[in-house]
Amino acid sequence: MTVLAALLLGLAPVGPPAPPVFGSATEAVYVDVFVTCHGVPVTGLSAADFEVKDDGVFQEPRLAGQETVRLTPVLVFDTSGSLEGRNLEHLRAAGHAFVDGLRSDEPAALITFSHEVVLRVAPTFDRRPLHESLDRVKAGGSTAALDALYAALRHRWGAGRAAIVLFTDGDDDLSWLDAGAVLAAARQSTALVDVVAAGEAPEADPATSDPALPRPGESACMKLLRDVARTTGGTVWPCSYAGLRRAFLEVLGSLHARYVLGYEPQGVAHPGRHRLEVKVKGRPAEVQARTEYWVER
C-alpha cells in the first residue's frame, strides 16, 4: 500500500482543516500557553497576568472553560526500520508510561508510520486498546514522517484540544508531501504539536533552550518539525533512546501545566492569517504559545 493510500484509508475521514475558532454565535480564538521560569512551570496565573496581541492589536483574554481545556492526545510514532531491536522497546515503554499518565477524562489515539500511515487506535477513554496496540507494533520499512504529521493535522479529532505528540529520529526518506504543505496544515490546524526527537545527541531541556533554533547537522525534516512545533505553540524534546520514557512524561507534564486563553477578536475581523503574540506581564517568564492562526475566507 502506498503512503497516499494509507493517508486516504487509514485516517479516513479527513476533511479540510477547521480554523481555530469555536462557538455558533460568536467566534472566539483559543491559545495554548506554556509558561516557565528557569525551566519550572509557572502555575496560578490569571487571565489578567497575560498580554495577548492579535495582528498587533491588544485583546482581552480569559481563561477557557473545562470543556475546552480537555486534551485529546494523539501519539504519532515512527516504527520504521531504524527502530528495530532495543530502540523499539524503549519507544513501547515510553508509550505505555504516557498512556498510564493520562487523566481519566482524556481520550487518546495512536498513529504509526513507516512506509504506511496507519490509525491504530481512534480516540478512546479505554486504555487497554492503546496498550495492546503498542505491544503489537513492529519495526520495519522506510519513513514518511511528514505525510504522517500532515494526516494527523488534517484529521478531525472531536471536541477539546488535540495535542499531537510525534516521535521521530529526524529522518524522512519517503514522504510525498513537501515542507510547504505541512507547514500550511499546521498554520490552519487547531492542534498543538510536540516533537520527541531521539538520537545519540545529549539530552537537553527544551524549557531552557530556544526550540526555534536548529541544531548542528540536523536534517531538513527535523528543521521543518521544529518550525511546526513553534508555530503551533509546542516544542522539540531531544533525547536519547534510553531517555524516551522521561521525555514523554515531561511532554505530558507540560500539556497538563498549560493555560488555555480564549478571546473574541477585536479590531482584527478579517479572513486569512493572523499573527499572535502572548506575554506574561510584570515577571520574568518564558512563554510558548501558538504564533499564528487562520480564519477561512
C-alpha atoms as a PDB file:
ATOM      1  CA  MET A   1       0.000   0.000   0.000  1.00  0.00           C
ATOM      2  CA  THR A   2       1.373   3.425  -0.905  1.00  0.00           C
ATOM      3  CA  VAL A   3       1.679   6.220   1.610  1.00  0.00           C
ATOM      4  CA  LEU A   4      -1.027   8.182  -0.216  1.00  0.00           C
ATOM      5  CA  ALA A   5      -3.430   5.243   0.026  1.00  0.00           C
ATOM      6  CA  ALA A   6      -2.683   4.935   3.716  1.00  0.00           C
ATOM      7  CA  LEU A   7      -3.500   8.603   4.187  1.00  0.00           C
ATOM      8  CA  LEU A   8      -6.847   8.118   2.494  1.00  0.00           C
ATOM      9  CA  LEU A   9      -7.747   4.776   4.065  1.00  0.00           C
ATOM     10  CA  GLY A  10      -6.031   4.605   7.420  1.00  0.00           C
ATOM     11  CA  LEU A  11      -7.093   8.045   8.584  1.00  0.00           C
ATOM     12  CA  ALA A  12     -10.419   8.482   6.805  1.00  0.00           C
ATOM     13  CA  PRO A  13     -12.407  10.615   7.078  1.00  0.00           C
ATOM     14  CA  VAL A  14     -10.014  13.524   6.593  1.00  0.00           C
ATOM     15  CA  GLY A  15     -11.705  16.848   5.950  1.00  0.00           C
ATOM     16  CA  PRO A  16     -10.498  20.388   5.408  1.00  0.00           C
ATOM     17  CA  PRO A  17      -8.814  21.888   8.475  1.00  0.00           C
ATOM     18  CA  ALA A  18     -11.034  23.935  10.762  1.00  0.00           C
ATOM     19  CA  PRO A  19      -9.790  27.400  11.693  1.00  0.00           C
ATOM     20  CA  PRO A  20      -9.017  27.910  15.395  1.00  0.00           C
ATOM     21  CA  VAL A  21     -12.452  29.287  16.270  1.00  0.00           C
ATOM     22  CA  PHE A  22     -15.444  27.870  18.096  1.00  0.00           C
ATOM     23  CA  GLY A  23     -18.994  28.701  19.027  1.00  0.00           C
ATOM     24  CA  SER A  24     -22.095  29.320  16.958  1.00  0.00           C
ATOM     25  CA  ALA A  25     -22.973  32.984  17.514  1.00  0.00           C
ATOM     26  CA  THR A  26     -19.603  34.476  18.437  1.00  0.00           C
ATOM     27  CA  GLU A  27     -16.251  33.496  17.022  1.00  0.00           C
ATOM     28  CA  ALA A  28     -13.526  33.036  19.594  1.00  0.00           C
ATOM     29  CA  VAL A  29      -9.888  32.081  19.453  1.00  0.00           C
ATOM     30  CA  TYR A  30      -8.219  29.638  21.849  1.00  0.00           C
ATOM     31  CA  VAL A  31      -4.490  29.787  22.516  1.00  0.00           C
ATOM     32  CA  ASP A  32      -2.496  27.107  24.383  1.00  0.00           C
ATOM     33  CA  VAL A  33       0.180  28.723  26.554  1.00  0.00           C
ATOM     34  CA  PHE A  34       3.032  27.056  28.453  1.00  0.00           C
ATOM     35  CA  VAL A  35       4.763  29.360  30.973  1.00  0.00           C
ATOM     36  CA  THR A  36       8.050  28.515  32.682  1.00  0.00           C
ATOM     37  CA  CYS A  37      10.656  30.309  34.771  1.00  0.00           C
ATOM     38  CA  HIS A  38      14.144  28.798  34.716  1.00  0.00           C
ATOM     39  CA  GLY A  39      12.640  25.592  33.343  1.00  0.00           C
ATOM     40  CA  VAL A  40       9.949  25.245  36.044  1.00  0.00           C
ATOM     41  CA  PRO A  41       6.253  25.547  35.054  1.00  0.00           C
ATOM     42  CA  VAL A  42       4.581  28.675  36.437  1.00  0.00           C
ATOM     43  CA  THR A  43       1.157  27.934  37.930  1.00  0.00           C
ATOM     44  CA  GLY A  44      -1.574  30.064  39.490  1.00  0.00           C
ATOM     45  CA  LEU A  45      -1.737  32.769  36.822  1.00  0.00           C
ATOM     46  CA  SER A  46      -4.996  34.514  35.993  1.00  0.00           C
ATOM     47  CA  ALA A  47      -6.163  35.949  32.683  1.00  0.00           C
ATOM     48  CA  ALA A  48      -5.102  39.394  33.897  1.00  0.00           C
ATOM     49  CA  ASP A  49      -1.481  38.207  34.014  1.00  0.00           C
ATOM     50  CA  PHE A  50      -1.369  37.710  30.233  1.00  0.00           C
ATOM     51  CA  GLU A  51      -0.912  40.146  27.376  1.00  0.00           C
ATOM     52  CA  VAL A  52      -2.294  38.952  24.032  1.00  0.00           C
ATOM     53  CA  LYS A  53      -1.922  40.694  20.674  1.00  0.00           C
ATOM     54  CA  ASP A  54      -3.719  39.610  17.512  1.00  0.00           C
ATOM     55  CA  ASP A  55      -2.024  41.190  14.474  1.00  0.00           C
ATOM     56  CA  GLY A  56      -0.558  43.768  16.859  1.00  0.00           C
ATOM     57  CA  VAL A  57      -3.921  44.671  18.430  1.00  0.00           C
ATOM     58  CA  PHE A  58      -4.348  44.099  22.174  1.00  0.00           C
ATOM     59  CA  GLN A  59      -7.090  41.624  23.087  1.00  0.00           C
ATOM     60  CA  GLU A  60      -8.927  40.821  26.336  1.00  0.00           C
ATOM     61  CA  PRO A  61      -8.153  37.177  27.180  1.00  0.00           C
ATOM     62  CA  ARG A  62      -9.965  34.940  29.635  1.00  0.00           C
ATOM     63  CA  LEU A  63      -9.113  31.508  30.960  1.00  0.00           C
ATOM     64  CA  ALA A  64     -11.050  28.928  28.960  1.00  0.00           C
ATOM     65  CA  GLY A  65     -13.659  26.628  30.495  1.00  0.00           C
ATOM     66  CA  GLN A  66     -13.131  22.978  31.311  1.00  0.00           C
ATOM     67  CA  GLU A  67     -14.919  21.752  28.198  1.00  0.00           C
ATOM     68  CA  THR A  68     -12.215  23.375  26.082  1.00  0.00           C
ATOM     69  CA  VAL A  69      -9.250  22.582  28.326  1.00  0.00           C
ATOM     70  CA  ARG A  70      -9.744  18.803  27.975  1.00  0.00           C
ATOM     71  CA  LEU A  71      -6.978  17.176  25.958  1.00  0.00           C
ATOM     72  CA  THR A  72      -7.156  14.628  23.176  1.00  0.00           C
ATOM     73  CA  PRO A  73      -3.549  13.408  22.937  1.00  0.00           C
ATOM     74  CA  VAL A  74      -2.622  11.838  19.588  1.00  0.00           C
ATOM     75  CA  LEU A  75       0.548   9.726  19.660  1.00  0.00           C
ATOM     76  CA  VAL A  76       2.231   9.587  16.241  1.00  0.00           C
ATOM     77  CA  PHE A  77       5.054   7.028  16.331  1.00  0.00           C
ATOM     78  CA  ASP A  78       7.837   6.293  13.866  1.00  0.00           C
ATOM     79  CA  THR A  79       8.049   2.493  13.504  1.00  0.00           C
ATOM     80  CA  SER A  80      10.461   2.340  10.555  1.00  0.00           C
ATOM     81  CA  GLY A  81      13.448   0.019  10.293  1.00  0.00           C
ATOM     82  CA  SER A  82      15.670   2.262  12.420  1.00  0.00           C
ATOM     83  CA  LEU A  83      13.526   1.304  15.433  1.00  0.00           C
ATOM     84  CA  GLU A  84      14.338  -2.413  15.310  1.00  0.00           C
ATOM     85  CA  GLY A  85      15.562  -4.073  18.488  1.00  0.00           C
ATOM     86  CA  ARG A  86      16.220  -2.185  21.686  1.00  0.00           C
ATOM     87  CA  ASN A  87      15.078   1.166  20.295  1.00  0.00           C
ATOM     88  CA  LEU A  88      11.552  -0.145  19.769  1.00  0.00           C
ATOM     89  CA  GLU A  89      11.478  -1.498  23.335  1.00  0.00           C
ATOM     90  CA  HIS A  90      12.346   1.982  24.626  1.00  0.00           C
ATOM     91  CA  LEU A  91       9.575   3.521  22.499  1.00  0.00           C
ATOM     92  CA  ARG A  92       6.993   0.999  23.694  1.00  0.00           C
ATOM     93  CA  ALA A  93       7.914   1.666  27.339  1.00  0.00           C
ATOM     94  CA  ALA A  94       7.617   5.415  26.760  1.00  0.00           C
ATOM     95  CA  GLY A  95       4.222   4.998  25.097  1.00  0.00           C
ATOM     96  CA  HIS A  96       2.917   2.840  27.956  1.00  0.00           C
ATOM     97  CA  ALA A  97       4.122   5.395  30.526  1.00  0.00           C
ATOM     98  CA  PHE A  98       2.431   8.239  28.635  1.00  0.00           C
ATOM     99  CA  VAL A  99      -0.883   6.362  28.414  1.00  0.00           C
ATOM    100  CA  ASP A 100      -0.735   5.451  32.111  1.00  0.00           C
ATOM    101  CA  GLY A 101      -0.213   9.128  32.958  1.00  0.00           C
ATOM    102  CA  LEU A 102      -3.325  10.349  31.150  1.00  0.00           C
ATOM    103  CA  ARG A 103      -6.226  11.700  33.150  1.00  0.00           C
ATOM    104  CA  SER A 104      -9.460   9.739  33.105  1.00  0.00           C
ATOM    105  CA  ASP A 105     -11.262  12.396  31.033  1.00  0.00           C
ATOM    106  CA  GLU A 106      -8.631  12.446  28.283  1.00  0.00           C
ATOM    107  CA  PRO A 107      -9.302  10.258  25.226  1.00  0.00           C
ATOM    108  CA  ALA A 108      -6.158   9.289  23.321  1.00  0.00           C
ATOM    109  CA  ALA A 109      -5.313   7.983  19.856  1.00  0.00           C
ATOM    110  CA  LEU A 110      -2.355   6.170  18.290  1.00  0.00           C
ATOM    111  CA  ILE A 111      -0.949   6.502  14.762  1.00  0.00           C
ATOM    112  CA  THR A 112       2.144   4.685  13.491  1.00  0.00           C
ATOM    113  CA  PHE A 113       4.122   5.420  10.364  1.00  0.00           C
ATOM    114  CA  SER A 114       6.839   3.813   8.311  1.00  0.00           C
ATOM    115  CA  HIS A 115       6.142   3.290   4.578  1.00  0.00           C
ATOM    116  CA  GLU A 116       2.460   3.342   5.633  1.00  0.00           C
ATOM    117  CA  VAL A 117       0.492   5.731   7.828  1.00  0.00           C
ATOM    118  CA  VAL A 118      -1.956   3.790   9.987  1.00  0.00           C
ATOM    119  CA  LEU A 119      -4.512   4.875  12.572  1.00  0.00           C
ATOM    120  CA  ARG A 120      -4.044   2.069  15.115  1.00  0.00           C
ATOM    121  CA  VAL A 121      -6.454   3.351  17.767  1.00  0.00           C
ATOM    122  CA  ALA A 122      -9.074   6.070  17.338  1.00  0.00           C
ATOM    123  CA  PRO A 123      -9.613   8.439  20.301  1.00  0.00           C
ATOM    124  CA  THR A 124     -10.759   6.376  23.267  1.00  0.00           C
ATOM    125  CA  PHE A 125     -11.037   6.612  27.041  1.00  0.00           C
ATOM    126  CA  ASP A 126     -10.235   2.891  27.265  1.00  0.00           C
ATOM    127  CA  ARG A 127      -6.512   2.402  27.898  1.00  0.00           C
ATOM    128  CA  ARG A 128      -6.482  -1.294  27.036  1.00  0.00           C
ATOM    129  CA  PRO A 129      -6.529  -0.998  23.213  1.00  0.00           C
ATOM    130  CA  LEU A 130      -3.766   1.599  23.392  1.00  0.00           C
ATOM    131  CA  HIS A 131      -1.541  -0.681  25.479  1.00  0.00           C
ATOM    132  CA  GLU A 132      -2.345  -3.711  23.338  1.00  0.00           C
ATOM    133  CA  SER A 133      -1.593  -1.840  20.124  1.00  0.00           C
ATOM    134  CA  LEU A 134       1.733  -0.604  21.495  1.00  0.00           C
ATOM    135  CA  ASP A 135       2.682  -4.186  22.354  1.00  0.00           C
ATOM    136  CA  ARG A 136       1.857  -5.351  18.816  1.00  0.00           C
ATOM    137  CA  VAL A 137       3.822  -2.647  16.979  1.00  0.00           C
ATOM    138  CA  LYS A 138       6.738  -3.935  14.889  1.00  0.00           C
ATOM    139  CA  ALA A 139       9.559  -2.005  13.248  1.00  0.00           C
ATOM    140  CA  GLY A 140      10.397  -2.080   9.552  1.00  0.00           C
ATOM    141  CA  GLY A 141      10.302  -0.160   6.291  1.00  0.00           C
ATOM    142  CA  SER A 142      11.057   3.407   5.262  1.00  0.00           C
ATOM    143  CA  THR A 143       9.976   6.644   6.937  1.00  0.00           C
ATOM    144  CA  ALA A 144       7.159   9.018   5.936  1.00  0.00           C
ATOM    145  CA  ALA A 145       7.195  11.413   8.889  1.00  0.00           C
ATOM    146  CA  LEU A 146       5.864  14.464   7.027  1.00  0.00           C
ATOM    147  CA  ASP A 147       2.943  12.563   5.499  1.00  0.00           C
ATOM    148  CA  ALA A 148       2.035  11.198   8.943  1.00  0.00           C
ATOM    149  CA  LEU A 149       2.134  14.620  10.571  1.00  0.00           C
ATOM    150  CA  TYR A 150       0.071  16.156   7.781  1.00  0.00           C
ATOM    151  CA  ALA A 151      -2.593  13.463   8.161  1.00  0.00           C
ATOM    152  CA  ALA A 152      -2.723  13.998  11.932  1.00  0.00           C
ATOM    153  CA  LEU A 153      -3.038  17.765  11.486  1.00  0.00           C
ATOM    154  CA  ARG A 154      -5.843  17.440   8.932  1.00  0.00           C
ATOM    155  CA  HIS A 155      -7.857  14.804  10.784  1.00  0.00           C
ATOM    156  CA  ARG A 156     -10.823  15.883  12.913  1.00  0.00           C
ATOM    157  CA  TRP A 157     -10.234  14.638  16.453  1.00  0.00           C
ATOM    158  CA  GLY A 158     -13.503  15.772  18.045  1.00  0.00           C
ATOM    159  CA  ALA A 159     -14.112  18.154  20.937  1.00  0.00           C
ATOM    160  CA  GLY A 160     -11.381  19.524  23.161  1.00  0.00           C
ATOM    161  CA  ARG A 161      -7.741  20.244  22.359  1.00  0.00           C
ATOM    162  CA  ALA A 162      -5.875  17.925  20.010  1.00  0.00           C
ATOM    163  CA  ALA A 163      -2.294  17.522  21.222  1.00  0.00           C
ATOM    164  CA  ILE A 164      -0.143  15.707  18.664  1.00  0.00           C
ATOM    165  CA  VAL A 165       2.956  14.074  20.157  1.00  0.00           C
ATOM    166  CA  LEU A 166       5.153  12.934  17.281  1.00  0.00           C
ATOM    167  CA  PHE A 167       8.117  10.636  17.865  1.00  0.00           C
ATOM    168  CA  THR A 168      10.864  10.534  15.231  1.00  0.00           C
ATOM    169  CA  ASP A 169      14.572  10.020  14.781  1.00  0.00           C
ATOM    170  CA  GLY A 170      14.614  13.042  12.471  1.00  0.00           C
ATOM    171  CA  ASP A 171      14.787  11.254   9.127  1.00  0.00           C
ATOM    172  CA  ASP A 172      12.268  11.113   6.265  1.00  0.00           C
ATOM    173  CA  ASP A 173      13.016   9.188   3.086  1.00  0.00           C
ATOM    174  CA  LEU A 174       9.554   8.550   1.648  1.00  0.00           C
ATOM    175  CA  SER A 175       7.013  11.354   2.166  1.00  0.00           C
ATOM    176  CA  TRP A 176       5.047  12.592  -0.832  1.00  0.00           C
ATOM    177  CA  LEU A 177       4.272  15.967   0.716  1.00  0.00           C
ATOM    178  CA  ASP A 178       6.682  18.886   0.833  1.00  0.00           C
ATOM    179  CA  ALA A 179       7.533  21.232   3.679  1.00  0.00           C
ATOM    180  CA  GLY A 180       5.185  23.973   2.464  1.00  0.00           C
ATOM    181  CA  ALA A 181       2.118  21.744   2.567  1.00  0.00           C
ATOM    182  CA  VAL A 182       2.887  20.507   6.081  1.00  0.00           C
ATOM    183  CA  LEU A 183       3.593  23.970   7.473  1.00  0.00           C
ATOM    184  CA  ALA A 184       0.388  25.304   5.902  1.00  0.00           C
ATOM    185  CA  ALA A 185      -1.570  22.489   7.557  1.00  0.00           C
ATOM    186  CA  ALA A 186      -0.015  23.421  10.914  1.00  0.00           C
ATOM    187  CA  ARG A 187      -0.964  27.071  10.467  1.00  0.00           C
ATOM    188  CA  GLN A 188      -4.555  26.155   9.631  1.00  0.00           C
ATOM    189  CA  SER A 189      -4.961  23.493  12.340  1.00  0.00           C
ATOM    190  CA  THR A 190      -6.092  23.966  15.926  1.00  0.00           C
ATOM    191  CA  ALA A 191      -3.749  21.192  17.121  1.00  0.00           C
ATOM    192  CA  LEU A 192      -0.713  21.626  19.337  1.00  0.00           C
ATOM    193  CA  VAL A 193       2.376  19.716  18.146  1.00  0.00           C
ATOM    194  CA  ASP A 194       5.204  18.463  20.363  1.00  0.00           C
ATOM    195  CA  VAL A 195       8.056  16.511  18.765  1.00  0.00           C
ATOM    196  CA  VAL A 196      10.125  13.944  20.665  1.00  0.00           C
ATOM    197  CA  ALA A 197      13.357  13.593  18.694  1.00  0.00           C
ATOM    198  CA  ALA A 198      15.504  10.579  19.575  1.00  0.00           C
ATOM    199  CA  GLY A 199      19.134  10.099  18.648  1.00  0.00           C
ATOM    200  CA  GLU A 200      22.574   9.806  20.116  1.00  0.00           C
ATOM    201  CA  ALA A 201      22.895  13.513  20.947  1.00  0.00           C
ATOM    202  CA  PRO A 202      22.945  14.524  24.630  1.00  0.00           C
ATOM    203  CA  GLU A 203      19.573  15.213  26.144  1.00  0.00           C
ATOM    204  CA  ALA A 204      18.587  18.847  26.509  1.00  0.00           C
ATOM    205  CA  ASP A 205      15.934  20.669  28.476  1.00  0.00           C
ATOM    206  CA  PRO A 206      13.634  22.360  25.929  1.00  0.00           C
ATOM    207  CA  ALA A 207      12.339  24.694  28.632  1.00  0.00           C
ATOM    208  CA  THR A 208      15.779  26.334  28.953  1.00  0.00           C
ATOM    209  CA  SER A 209      16.788  26.398  25.284  1.00  0.00           C
ATOM    210  CA  ASP A 210      15.264  28.044  22.242  1.00  0.00           C
ATOM    211  CA  PRO A 211      13.128  25.430  20.429  1.00  0.00           C
ATOM    212  CA  ALA A 212      13.195  27.535  17.257  1.00  0.00           C
ATOM    213  CA  LEU A 213      16.963  27.234  16.851  1.00  0.00           C
ATOM    214  CA  PRO A 214      18.207  24.402  14.620  1.00  0.00           C
ATOM    215  CA  ARG A 215      20.896  22.063  15.899  1.00  0.00           C
ATOM    216  CA  PRO A 216      24.161  21.467  14.042  1.00  0.00           C
ATOM    217  CA  GLY A 217      23.793  18.766  11.406  1.00  0.00           C
ATOM    218  CA  GLU A 218      20.060  18.187  11.834  1.00  0.00           C
ATOM    219  CA  SER A 219      18.049  17.057   8.810  1.00  0.00           C
ATOM    220  CA  ALA A 220      15.712  19.173   6.693  1.00  0.00           C
ATOM    221  CA  CYS A 221      12.848  17.109   8.114  1.00  0.00           C
ATOM    222  CA  MET A 222      13.881  17.980  11.664  1.00  0.00           C
ATOM    223  CA  LYS A 223      14.128  21.673  10.828  1.00  0.00           C
ATOM    224  CA  LEU A 224      10.570  21.576   9.471  1.00  0.00           C
ATOM    225  CA  LEU A 225       9.279  19.733  12.538  1.00  0.00           C
ATOM    226  CA  ARG A 226      10.861  22.411  14.704  1.00  0.00           C
ATOM    227  CA  ASP A 227       9.028  25.102  12.697  1.00  0.00           C
ATOM    228  CA  VAL A 228       5.734  23.230  13.013  1.00  0.00           C
ATOM    229  CA  ALA A 229       6.142  22.828  16.778  1.00  0.00           C
ATOM    230  CA  ARG A 230       6.961  26.510  17.238  1.00  0.00           C
ATOM    231  CA  THR A 231       4.051  27.626  15.025  1.00  0.00           C
ATOM    232  CA  THR A 232       1.501  25.594  16.995  1.00  0.00           C
ATOM    233  CA  GLY A 233       2.893  26.513  20.428  1.00  0.00           C
ATOM    234  CA  GLY A 234       4.691  23.230  21.090  1.00  0.00           C
ATOM    235  CA  THR A 235       8.373  22.393  21.162  1.00  0.00           C
ATOM    236  CA  VAL A 236      11.005  19.808  20.289  1.00  0.00           C
ATOM    237  CA  TRP A 237      12.177  17.471  23.051  1.00  0.00           C
ATOM    238  CA  PRO A 238      15.583  15.985  22.118  1.00  0.00           C
ATOM    239  CA  CYS A 239      16.631  12.837  23.945  1.00  0.00           C
ATOM    240  CA  SER A 240      18.480   9.551  23.664  1.00  0.00           C
ATOM    241  CA  TYR A 241      16.520   6.352  23.035  1.00  0.00           C
ATOM    242  CA  ALA A 242      17.108   5.370  26.654  1.00  0.00           C
ATOM    243  CA  GLY A 243      15.617   8.718  27.686  1.00  0.00           C
ATOM    244  CA  LEU A 244      12.366   8.338  25.764  1.00  0.00           C
ATOM    245  CA  ARG A 245      10.256   7.449  28.798  1.00  0.00           C
ATOM    246  CA  ARG A 246      11.415  10.533  30.669  1.00  0.00           C
ATOM    247  CA  ALA A 247      10.874  12.755  27.625  1.00  0.00           C
ATOM    248  CA  PHE A 248       7.306  11.535  27.088  1.00  0.00           C
ATOM    249  CA  LEU A 249       6.436  12.086  30.741  1.00  0.00           C
ATOM    250  CA  GLU A 250       7.875  15.603  30.515  1.00  0.00           C
ATOM    251  CA  VAL A 251       5.727  16.279  27.443  1.00  0.00           C
ATOM    252  CA  LEU A 252       2.643  15.049  29.294  1.00  0.00           C
ATOM    253  CA  GLY A 253       3.516  17.192  32.298  1.00  0.00           C
ATOM    254  CA  SER A 254       3.844  20.251  30.075  1.00  0.00           C
ATOM    255  CA  LEU A 255       0.452  19.539  28.479  1.00  0.00           C
ATOM    256  CA  HIS A 256      -1.186  19.360  31.898  1.00  0.00           C
ATOM    257  CA  ALA A 257       0.543  22.578  33.015  1.00  0.00           C
ATOM    258  CA  ARG A 258      -0.654  24.659  30.066  1.00  0.00           C
ATOM    259  CA  TYR A 259      -3.073  27.554  30.230  1.00  0.00           C
ATOM    260  CA  VAL A 260      -5.776  27.924  27.593  1.00  0.00           C
ATOM    261  CA  LEU A 261      -6.711  31.511  26.846  1.00  0.00           C
ATOM    262  CA  GLY A 262      -9.843  32.455  24.937  1.00  0.00           C
ATOM    263  CA  TYR A 263     -10.854  35.782  23.438  1.00  0.00           C
ATOM    264  CA  GLU A 264     -13.245  37.296  20.911  1.00  0.00           C
ATOM    265  CA  PRO A 265     -11.061  39.101  18.344  1.00  0.00           C
ATOM    266  CA  GLN A 266     -11.476  42.874  18.459  1.00  0.00           C
ATOM    267  CA  GLY A 267     -10.275  45.161  15.675  1.00  0.00           C
ATOM    268  CA  VAL A 268      -8.920  42.341  13.518  1.00  0.00           C
ATOM    269  CA  ALA A 269     -12.029  40.950  11.811  1.00  0.00           C
ATOM    270  CA  HIS A 270     -10.542  39.699   8.561  1.00  0.00           C
ATOM    271  CA  PRO A 271     -10.070  36.285   6.926  1.00  0.00           C
ATOM    272  CA  GLY A 272      -6.690  34.674   6.396  1.00  0.00           C
ATOM    273  CA  ARG A 273      -3.562  34.621   8.523  1.00  0.00           C
ATOM    274  CA  HIS A 274      -3.380  36.257  11.975  1.00  0.00           C
ATOM    275  CA  ARG A 275      -0.139  36.765  13.904  1.00  0.00           C
ATOM    276  CA  LEU A 276      -0.257  36.108  17.650  1.00  0.00           C
ATOM    277  CA  GLU A 277       1.914  37.426  20.484  1.00  0.00           C
ATOM    278  CA  VAL A 278       1.481  36.204  24.061  1.00  0.00           C
ATOM    279  CA  LYS A 279       3.440  37.545  27.040  1.00  0.00           C
ATOM    280  CA  VAL A 280       3.254  37.389  30.817  1.00  0.00           C
ATOM    281  CA  LYS A 281       3.083  40.787  32.499  1.00  0.00           C
ATOM    282  CA  GLY A 282       5.411  42.012  35.206  1.00  0.00           C
ATOM    283  CA  ARG A 283       7.547  38.935  35.843  1.00  0.00           C
ATOM    284  CA  PRO A 284      10.387  37.019  34.220  1.00  0.00           C
ATOM    285  CA  ALA A 285       8.952  34.104  32.305  1.00  0.00           C
ATOM    286  CA  GLU A 286       9.437  32.068  29.151  1.00  0.00           C
ATOM    287  CA  VAL A 287       6.260  31.668  27.105  1.00  0.00           C
ATOM    288  CA  GLN A 288       5.496  29.046  24.461  1.00  0.00           C
ATOM    289  CA  ALA A 289       2.285  29.749  22.547  1.00  0.00           C
ATOM    290  CA  ARG A 290       0.880  29.489  19.047  1.00  0.00           C
ATOM    291  CA  THR A 291       2.401  32.177  16.838  1.00  0.00           C
ATOM    292  CA  GLU A 292      -0.452  32.406  14.320  1.00  0.00           C
ATOM    293  CA  TYR A 293      -3.908  31.148  13.383  1.00  0.00           C
ATOM    294  CA  TRP A 294      -6.055  31.073  10.274  1.00  0.00           C
ATOM    295  CA  VAL A 295      -9.607  32.192   9.509  1.00  0.00           C
ATOM    296  CA  GLU A 296     -11.267  30.752   6.426  1.00  0.00           C
ATOM    297  CA  ARG A 297     -12.242  33.173   3.680  1.00  0.00           C
END
